[in-house]
Amino acid sequence: PIIVTKFPSVAPINLIGTEVETGIKLSPSKAGKWRWENDRTLIFMPETPWPPGQQYEVSFAPEVFDTDAKFTDDQFGFITQPLQGKIETSEFELSVEDKLKQVYVEILFNYPVDKKSVEQALSMAYQVKGNKLGEAQLYKLSLSDNLRYATATFDVGTLPDQPRIVEIKFDQGIKSIYGGEATSSAYTSKLMVPDLYS
């Protein structure tokens, strides 16, 4: 929500606890309701979550406040929190019993994300000579029900003759289902795949 507090008391007495339908402009517009919580506090509750990295401007007409005082702060701006990610887990999983040899990665986002944009941003590849990256490897991607956790696995198949480094990269450009700005940073992790004799 947006919470605006003024001192001293500025709310029209007859409007305390009710919605304010005119006199307030939010740009760009967003569906929601303004309401006087008490005689000093005005609250805006959006109908849908805020999009990430979006700048807004709020302005108030004089009639919104029941006072003869003139405010120098009858308008203000704010930017919503940007979309960000963090690689929580990056490991090689090996189980002879389950015949499992895979790279496992989990990344957490602070907003629900669009799966297609994550697929386009994600890459996994072995490092080759000169720390360059080789051919991109196929992976499986899944998202949690709340779309804030993305899990990717890469089946190694046969272990290499010598240990090799795999680089996992979530490039910039991942988007939220709420719209707004995409991620502006890349998230990278490196791990070692053991050799056949380890």
Protein backbone atom coordinates (compact mmCIF):
# COMPACT_ATOMS: atom_id res chain seq x y z
CA PRO A 1 0.00 0.00 0.00
CA ILE A 2 0.83 3.71 -0.17
CA ILE A 3 0.60 5.35 3.25
CA VAL A 4 0.48 9.14 3.49
CA THR A 5 0.57 10.75 6.94
CA LYS A 6 -0.02 14.48 7.55
CA PHE A 7 0.26 16.51 10.74
CA PRO A 8 -1.81 18.01 12.22
CA SER A 9 -5.24 16.48 11.57
CA VAL A 10 -6.18 17.05 7.91
CA ALA A 11 -8.93 14.55 7.06
CA PRO A 12 -12.49 15.78 6.60
CA ILE A 13 -14.26 14.42 9.68
CA ASN A 14 -17.13 12.96 7.67
CA LEU A 15 -14.71 11.01 5.43
CA ILE A 16 -12.66 9.21 8.09
CA GLY A 17 -12.93 5.48 7.44
CA THR A 18 -14.32 6.01 3.94
CA GLU A 19 -12.95 5.97 0.42
CA VAL A 20 -11.61 9.07 -1.30
CA GLU A 21 -12.91 9.04 -4.85
CA THR A 22 -11.68 12.36 -6.25
CA GLY A 23 -8.78 14.74 -5.94
CA ILE A 24 -5.91 12.23 -6.01
CA LYS A 25 -3.92 11.39 -9.11
CA LEU A 26 -1.61 8.40 -9.42
CA SER A 27 0.50 8.33 -12.57
CA PRO A 28 0.76 5.97 -14.33
CA SER A 29 -2.70 5.00 -13.21
CA LYS A 30 -3.29 1.84 -11.20
CA ALA A 31 -6.58 0.36 -10.06
CA GLY A 32 -7.12 0.53 -6.32
CA LYS A 33 -8.78 2.49 -3.54
CA TRP A 34 -7.72 5.47 -1.44
CA ARG A 35 -9.11 5.53 2.08
CA TRP A 36 -8.80 7.73 5.16
CA GLU A 37 -7.53 5.37 7.87
CA ASN A 38 -7.78 8.11 10.53
CA ASP A 39 -7.65 11.90 10.68
CA ARG A 40 -3.98 11.96 9.61
CA THR A 41 -3.41 8.86 7.50
CA LEU A 42 -4.45 8.24 3.91
CA ILE A 43 -3.90 4.75 2.47
CA PHE A 44 -3.97 3.45 -1.09
CA MET A 45 -4.56 -0.29 -1.56
CA PRO A 46 -3.93 -1.49 -5.13
CA GLU A 47 -6.16 -4.16 -6.62
CA THR A 48 -3.16 -6.05 -7.98
CA PRO A 49 0.50 -6.24 -6.88
CA TRP A 50 2.88 -3.46 -7.86
CA PRO A 51 5.09 -4.16 -10.90
CA PRO A 52 8.84 -4.10 -10.27
CA GLY A 53 11.02 -1.08 -10.99
CA GLN A 54 8.11 1.19 -11.93
CA GLN A 55 8.19 4.91 -11.16
CA TYR A 56 4.98 6.55 -9.94
CA GLU A 57 3.91 10.11 -9.19
CA VAL A 58 1.17 11.01 -6.72
CA SER A 59 -0.48 14.43 -6.48
CA PHE A 60 -3.27 15.80 -4.29
CA ALA A 61 -5.81 18.49 -5.03
CA PRO A 62 -6.36 21.06 -2.20
CA GLU A 63 -9.87 19.75 -1.47
CA VAL A 64 -8.52 16.38 -0.36
CA PHE A 65 -7.38 17.94 2.94
CA ASP A 66 -9.65 19.75 5.38
CA THR A 67 -7.23 22.48 6.31
CA ASP A 68 -6.36 26.05 5.42
CA ALA A 69 -2.65 25.20 5.52
CA LYS A 70 -0.82 25.02 2.22
CA PHE A 71 1.40 22.00 1.82
CA THR A 72 4.68 22.18 -0.03
CA ASP A 73 4.60 18.38 -0.39
CA ASP A 74 1.24 17.93 -2.11
CA GLN A 75 2.94 15.66 -4.60
CA PHE A 76 5.65 13.02 -4.43
CA GLY A 77 7.14 10.18 -6.43
CA PHE A 78 8.40 6.70 -5.69
CA ILE A 79 9.87 3.68 -7.50
CA THR A 80 8.79 0.14 -6.69
CA GLN A 81 11.40 -2.43 -5.71
CA PRO A 82 13.29 -3.80 -8.72
CA LEU A 83 13.06 -7.43 -9.79
CA GLN A 84 16.05 -9.29 -8.40
CA GLY A 85 17.22 -12.86 -8.15
CA LYS A 86 19.62 -14.83 -5.99
CA ILE A 87 21.10 -18.25 -6.70
CA GLU A 88 20.27 -20.17 -3.52
CA THR A 89 21.68 -23.57 -4.49
CA SER A 90 24.26 -24.67 -7.04
CA GLU A 91 25.61 -28.20 -6.69
CA PHE A 92 26.49 -31.45 -8.36
CA GLU A 93 24.31 -34.36 -7.26
CA LEU A 94 25.61 -37.92 -7.49
CA SER A 95 23.77 -41.06 -6.42
CA VAL A 96 24.87 -44.49 -7.60
CA GLU A 97 21.73 -46.07 -6.18
CA ASP A 98 19.44 -43.72 -8.09
CA LYS A 99 21.75 -43.56 -11.12
CA LEU A 100 21.75 -39.81 -10.67
CA LYS A 101 24.47 -37.54 -12.03
CA GLN A 102 23.24 -34.01 -12.44
CA VAL A 103 23.91 -30.33 -11.93
CA TYR A 104 21.20 -28.80 -9.72
CA VAL A 105 20.53 -25.06 -9.48
CA GLU A 106 17.85 -23.11 -7.64
CA ILE A 107 17.31 -19.37 -7.93
CA LEU A 108 14.95 -17.26 -5.83
CA PHE A 109 13.21 -14.10 -7.10
CA ASN A 110 11.48 -11.37 -5.11
CA TYR A 111 8.56 -11.30 -7.59
CA PRO A 112 6.76 -14.07 -9.48
CA VAL A 113 8.53 -14.49 -12.81
CA ASP A 114 7.59 -15.38 -16.36
CA LYS A 115 8.89 -18.88 -17.17
CA LYS A 116 9.61 -18.14 -20.83
CA SER A 117 11.87 -15.21 -19.92
CA VAL A 118 13.76 -17.42 -17.46
CA GLU A 119 14.26 -20.06 -20.16
CA GLN A 120 15.63 -17.44 -22.53
CA ALA A 121 18.00 -16.08 -19.88
CA LEU A 122 19.35 -19.38 -18.54
CA SER A 123 22.39 -21.15 -19.94
CA MET A 124 24.63 -23.98 -18.75
CA ALA A 125 27.95 -24.80 -20.36
CA TYR A 126 31.29 -26.43 -19.60
CA GLN A 127 34.36 -24.24 -19.50
CA VAL A 128 36.93 -25.11 -22.15
CA LYS A 129 40.48 -23.87 -22.74
CA GLY A 130 41.13 -20.27 -21.78
CA ASN A 131 38.07 -20.27 -19.51
CA LYS A 132 35.86 -19.93 -22.57
CA LEU A 133 32.49 -21.63 -22.62
CA GLY A 134 31.74 -24.61 -24.78
CA GLU A 135 28.47 -25.75 -26.28
CA ALA A 136 25.34 -24.98 -24.28
CA GLN A 137 23.92 -27.99 -22.45
CA LEU A 138 20.31 -29.06 -22.42
CA TYR A 139 18.54 -28.60 -19.10
CA LYS A 140 15.15 -29.03 -17.48
CA LEU A 141 13.48 -26.01 -15.88
CA SER A 142 10.61 -25.91 -13.43
CA LEU A 143 9.02 -23.16 -11.35
CA SER A 144 7.35 -23.32 -7.96
CA ASP A 145 3.61 -22.74 -7.65
CA ASN A 146 4.19 -19.12 -6.58
CA LEU A 147 6.59 -18.61 -9.54
CA ARG A 148 9.33 -17.21 -7.30
CA TYR A 149 11.61 -20.27 -7.26
CA ALA A 150 13.14 -21.59 -10.46
CA THR A 151 14.89 -24.97 -10.45
CA ALA A 152 17.11 -26.16 -13.29
CA THR A 153 18.81 -29.54 -13.70
CA PHE A 154 21.34 -30.72 -16.26
CA ASP A 155 21.84 -34.48 -16.66
CA VAL A 156 25.59 -35.09 -16.93
CA GLY A 157 25.23 -38.62 -18.27
CA THR A 158 28.79 -40.00 -18.35
CA LEU A 159 31.33 -38.42 -16.03
CA PRO A 160 34.28 -36.79 -17.82
CA ASP A 161 37.84 -38.17 -17.83
CA GLN A 162 38.93 -35.20 -15.74
CA PRO A 163 37.09 -32.71 -13.52
CA ARG A 164 35.32 -29.97 -15.45
CA ILE A 165 33.78 -26.66 -14.47
CA VAL A 166 30.20 -25.90 -15.41
CA GLU A 167 29.05 -22.30 -15.56
CA ILE A 168 25.39 -21.56 -14.89
CA LYS A 169 24.16 -18.12 -15.91
CA PHE A 170 20.84 -16.37 -15.58
CA ASP A 171 21.31 -13.43 -17.92
CA GLN A 172 19.55 -10.09 -17.55
CA GLY A 173 16.09 -9.68 -19.05
CA ILE A 174 14.03 -11.94 -16.78
CA LYS A 175 10.51 -10.54 -16.44
CA SER A 176 7.82 -10.58 -13.77
CA ILE A 177 4.26 -11.69 -14.49
CA TYR A 178 3.26 -8.28 -13.08
CA GLY A 179 5.04 -6.42 -15.89
CA GLY A 180 7.42 -3.60 -14.98
CA GLU A 181 11.16 -3.62 -15.51
CA ALA A 182 13.07 -6.84 -16.22
CA THR A 183 16.20 -7.83 -14.32
CA SER A 184 19.17 -5.63 -15.17
CA SER A 185 21.88 -7.89 -13.74
CA ALA A 186 23.10 -11.39 -14.55
CA TYR A 187 23.44 -14.10 -11.91
CA THR A 188 26.24 -16.60 -12.35
CA SER A 189 27.49 -19.66 -10.52
CA LYS A 190 30.29 -22.14 -11.24
CA LEU A 191 30.70 -25.65 -9.93
CA MET A 192 32.96 -28.62 -10.45
CA VAL A 193 31.78 -31.84 -12.06
CA PRO A 194 34.01 -34.66 -10.75
CA ASP A 195 35.84 -37.03 -13.05
CA LEU A 196 35.07 -40.66 -13.61
CA TYR A 197 37.69 -41.74 -11.07
CA SER A 198 36.67 -39.51 -8.14
